[in-house]
Amino acid sequence: MIHKFILKTLALILTHIVASRLISIPLAVAMFVKWYIAVLLIFTMDIAQVPLFYHLYEQPQKIRFITARLRLWRQRWKRSGYKKKRIIREDRNWQALVLKRAQKFGQWGILLVSAMPSLGGGMWTGVLLAHLLKLDKKRSYLLLSAGSLMSCLLLALGFGGIKTLIVHLVKLLV
């Protein structure tokens, strides 16, 4: 029993690292019987990421392998055509627009961005926004954890409801 729980938890951790909350919560609801176990595990993984993200944003000069990778990536894109540059520019403009709008909301923006389970949202972007707003770490941890908990609860309850609906429909058909 414990062996299966550990294997499920490791699979969930890998899924959460590779994919996002949007993939890992439905998987957790499907693997574990209770939705609150899924919420607890995903919420813990979200909060465990925050110090790493803060470290990456506060000391970028110490991470030489990332800057070297970015330089190589930029050189590859310079060799390519205009179309790729235009796509990158449009994507960068869209991201800047989202970040500007989130900055207008201030602390509520951090809460909303960290609660977004889709790409462009989540803990990484929430920490970036908190860092750009120069918010106190205690306050930003509180806002980030509240956003993560809100998102985890909504997703787990939503997918848990869909799971029970499917189970009841299958029982009716059989």
Protein backbone atom coordinates (compact mmCIF):
# COMPACT_ATOMS: atom_id res chain seq x y z
CA MET A 1 0.00 0.00 0.00
CA ILE A 2 2.74 2.44 0.95
CA HIS A 3 4.79 1.32 -2.06
CA LYS A 4 1.95 2.25 -4.43
CA PHE A 5 1.49 5.62 -2.72
CA ILE A 6 5.18 6.43 -3.13
CA LEU A 7 5.14 5.45 -6.81
CA LYS A 8 2.02 7.53 -7.43
CA THR A 9 3.57 10.49 -5.64
CA LEU A 10 6.78 10.25 -7.68
CA ALA A 11 4.78 10.08 -10.91
CA LEU A 12 2.81 13.11 -9.79
CA ILE A 13 5.97 15.07 -8.96
CA LEU A 14 7.44 14.33 -12.38
CA THR A 15 4.19 15.31 -14.07
CA HIS A 16 4.04 18.55 -12.11
CA ILE A 17 7.63 19.42 -13.03
CA VAL A 18 7.25 18.58 -16.72
CA ALA A 19 3.70 19.84 -17.16
CA SER A 20 1.77 22.30 -15.07
CA ARG A 21 -0.96 22.32 -12.48
CA LEU A 22 -3.49 21.93 -15.27
CA ILE A 23 -2.18 18.43 -16.04
CA SER A 24 -1.02 17.27 -12.62
CA ILE A 25 -4.27 17.94 -10.72
CA PRO A 26 -6.52 15.84 -12.98
CA LEU A 27 -3.90 13.10 -12.85
CA ALA A 28 -3.78 13.32 -9.07
CA VAL A 29 -7.59 13.23 -8.80
CA ALA A 30 -7.62 10.19 -11.07
CA MET A 31 -4.84 8.37 -9.17
CA PHE A 32 -5.85 9.10 -5.59
CA VAL A 33 -9.29 8.35 -4.20
CA LYS A 34 -9.70 11.57 -2.24
CA TRP A 35 -9.47 15.01 -3.86
CA TYR A 36 -7.94 16.63 -0.78
CA ILE A 37 -4.86 14.40 -1.06
CA ALA A 38 -4.35 15.71 -4.59
CA VAL A 39 -4.78 19.30 -3.41
CA LEU A 40 -2.33 18.80 -0.55
CA LEU A 41 0.35 17.27 -2.77
CA ILE A 42 0.07 19.79 -5.61
CA PHE A 43 -0.12 22.75 -3.20
CA THR A 44 3.01 21.51 -1.41
CA MET A 45 4.87 21.18 -4.70
CA ASP A 46 3.80 24.68 -5.76
CA ILE A 47 5.01 26.25 -2.53
CA ALA A 48 8.28 24.28 -2.64
CA GLN A 49 9.09 25.91 -6.01
CA VAL A 50 8.85 29.51 -4.78
CA PRO A 51 12.29 29.77 -3.05
CA LEU A 52 13.97 28.37 -6.17
CA PHE A 53 12.23 30.92 -8.38
CA TYR A 54 13.16 33.76 -6.03
CA HIS A 55 16.75 32.59 -6.06
CA LEU A 56 16.78 32.52 -9.87
CA TYR A 57 15.37 36.05 -10.10
CA GLU A 58 17.57 37.60 -7.43
CA GLN A 59 20.92 36.22 -8.57
CA PRO A 60 20.85 35.68 -12.32
CA GLN A 61 24.54 36.44 -12.80
CA LYS A 62 25.54 33.31 -10.87
CA ILE A 63 23.75 31.02 -13.28
CA ARG A 64 26.19 31.01 -16.16
CA PHE A 65 24.81 27.99 -17.97
CA ILE A 66 21.45 29.70 -18.48
CA THR A 67 23.00 32.86 -19.86
CA ALA A 68 25.28 30.83 -22.13
CA ARG A 69 22.25 28.89 -23.40
CA LEU A 70 20.39 32.12 -24.04
CA ARG A 71 23.31 33.50 -26.03
CA LEU A 72 23.45 30.39 -28.21
CA TRP A 73 19.69 30.51 -28.68
CA ARG A 74 19.83 34.17 -29.74
CA GLN A 75 22.59 33.42 -32.25
CA ARG A 76 20.50 30.65 -33.81
CA TRP A 77 17.51 32.96 -34.13
CA LYS A 78 19.63 35.69 -35.72
CA ARG A 79 20.57 33.29 -38.50
CA SER A 80 16.96 32.43 -39.22
CA GLY A 81 14.52 34.48 -41.23
CA TYR A 82 12.32 37.48 -40.50
CA LYS A 83 9.21 35.41 -39.83
CA LYS A 84 10.65 33.80 -36.70
CA LYS A 85 11.81 37.17 -35.39
CA ARG A 86 8.32 38.61 -35.95
CA ILE A 87 6.70 35.70 -34.09
CA ILE A 88 9.09 36.13 -31.16
CA ARG A 89 8.47 39.89 -31.13
CA GLU A 90 4.69 39.40 -31.16
CA ASP A 91 4.91 36.85 -28.34
CA ARG A 92 7.15 39.14 -26.33
CA ASN A 93 4.74 42.06 -26.85
CA TRP A 94 1.80 39.92 -25.71
CA GLN A 95 3.66 38.79 -22.59
CA ALA A 96 4.62 42.38 -21.81
CA LEU A 97 0.99 43.43 -22.19
CA VAL A 98 -0.16 40.72 -19.78
CA LEU A 99 2.56 41.69 -17.30
CA LYS A 100 1.64 45.39 -17.54
CA ARG A 101 -2.02 44.64 -16.89
CA ALA A 102 -1.12 42.40 -13.96
CA GLN A 103 1.11 45.16 -12.54
CA LYS A 104 -1.86 47.52 -12.60
CA PHE A 105 -3.68 45.16 -10.27
CA GLY A 106 -0.71 45.11 -7.91
CA GLN A 107 -1.05 42.54 -5.12
CA TRP A 108 -4.32 41.24 -6.55
CA GLY A 109 -2.45 40.68 -9.80
CA ILE A 110 0.00 38.39 -8.02
CA LEU A 111 -2.90 36.44 -6.54
CA LEU A 112 -4.66 36.14 -9.89
CA VAL A 113 -1.55 35.26 -11.88
CA SER A 114 -0.49 32.58 -9.41
CA ALA A 115 -4.02 31.15 -9.50
CA MET A 116 -4.02 30.79 -13.29
CA PRO A 117 -3.46 27.13 -14.16
CA SER A 118 -2.75 27.81 -17.83
CA LEU A 119 0.49 28.63 -19.59
CA GLY A 120 1.67 32.13 -18.82
CA GLY A 121 0.28 31.89 -15.32
CA GLY A 122 1.27 29.96 -12.26
CA MET A 123 3.91 30.22 -9.63
CA TRP A 124 6.82 31.14 -11.91
CA THR A 125 5.01 34.18 -13.30
CA GLY A 126 3.59 35.08 -9.90
CA VAL A 127 7.06 35.15 -8.38
CA LEU A 128 8.30 37.23 -11.32
CA LEU A 129 5.51 39.73 -10.80
CA ALA A 130 6.16 39.89 -7.04
CA HIS A 131 9.85 40.42 -7.74
CA LEU A 132 9.13 43.19 -10.27
CA LEU A 133 6.75 44.91 -7.86
CA LYS A 134 9.48 44.67 -5.17
CA LEU A 135 7.01 43.19 -2.74
CA ASP A 136 8.00 41.97 0.71
CA LYS A 137 8.78 38.24 0.61
CA LYS A 138 6.42 37.39 3.46
CA ARG A 139 3.53 39.14 1.75
CA SER A 140 4.36 37.64 -1.63
CA TYR A 141 4.55 34.13 -0.13
CA LEU A 142 1.12 34.67 1.38
CA LEU A 143 -0.34 35.90 -1.92
CA LEU A 144 1.33 33.15 -3.94
CA SER A 145 0.19 30.41 -1.59
CA ALA A 146 -3.37 31.79 -1.52
CA GLY A 147 -3.48 31.84 -5.32
CA SER A 148 -2.06 28.34 -5.56
CA LEU A 149 -4.50 26.97 -2.99
CA MET A 150 -7.42 28.66 -4.72
CA SER A 151 -6.44 27.20 -8.09
CA CYS A 152 -5.75 23.72 -6.68
CA LEU A 153 -9.10 23.64 -4.91
CA LEU A 154 -11.06 24.79 -7.95
CA LEU A 155 -9.34 22.37 -10.30
CA ALA A 156 -9.51 19.40 -7.93
CA LEU A 157 -13.16 19.94 -7.07
CA GLY A 158 -14.02 20.48 -10.73
CA PHE A 159 -12.20 17.38 -11.96
CA GLY A 160 -13.39 15.40 -8.93
CA GLY A 161 -16.96 16.28 -9.85
CA ILE A 162 -16.39 15.23 -13.45
CA LYS A 163 -14.82 11.98 -12.24
CA THR A 164 -17.80 11.12 -9.99
CA LEU A 165 -20.22 12.06 -12.78
CA ILE A 166 -18.47 9.68 -15.18
CA VAL A 167 -18.43 6.91 -12.57
CA HIS A 168 -22.18 7.34 -11.92
CA LEU A 169 -22.94 7.37 -15.65
CA VAL A 170 -20.92 4.19 -16.17
CA LYS A 171 -22.77 2.50 -13.30
CA LEU A 172 -26.11 3.52 -14.83
CA LEU A 173 -25.14 2.14 -18.21
CA VAL A 174 -23.83 -1.15 -16.86
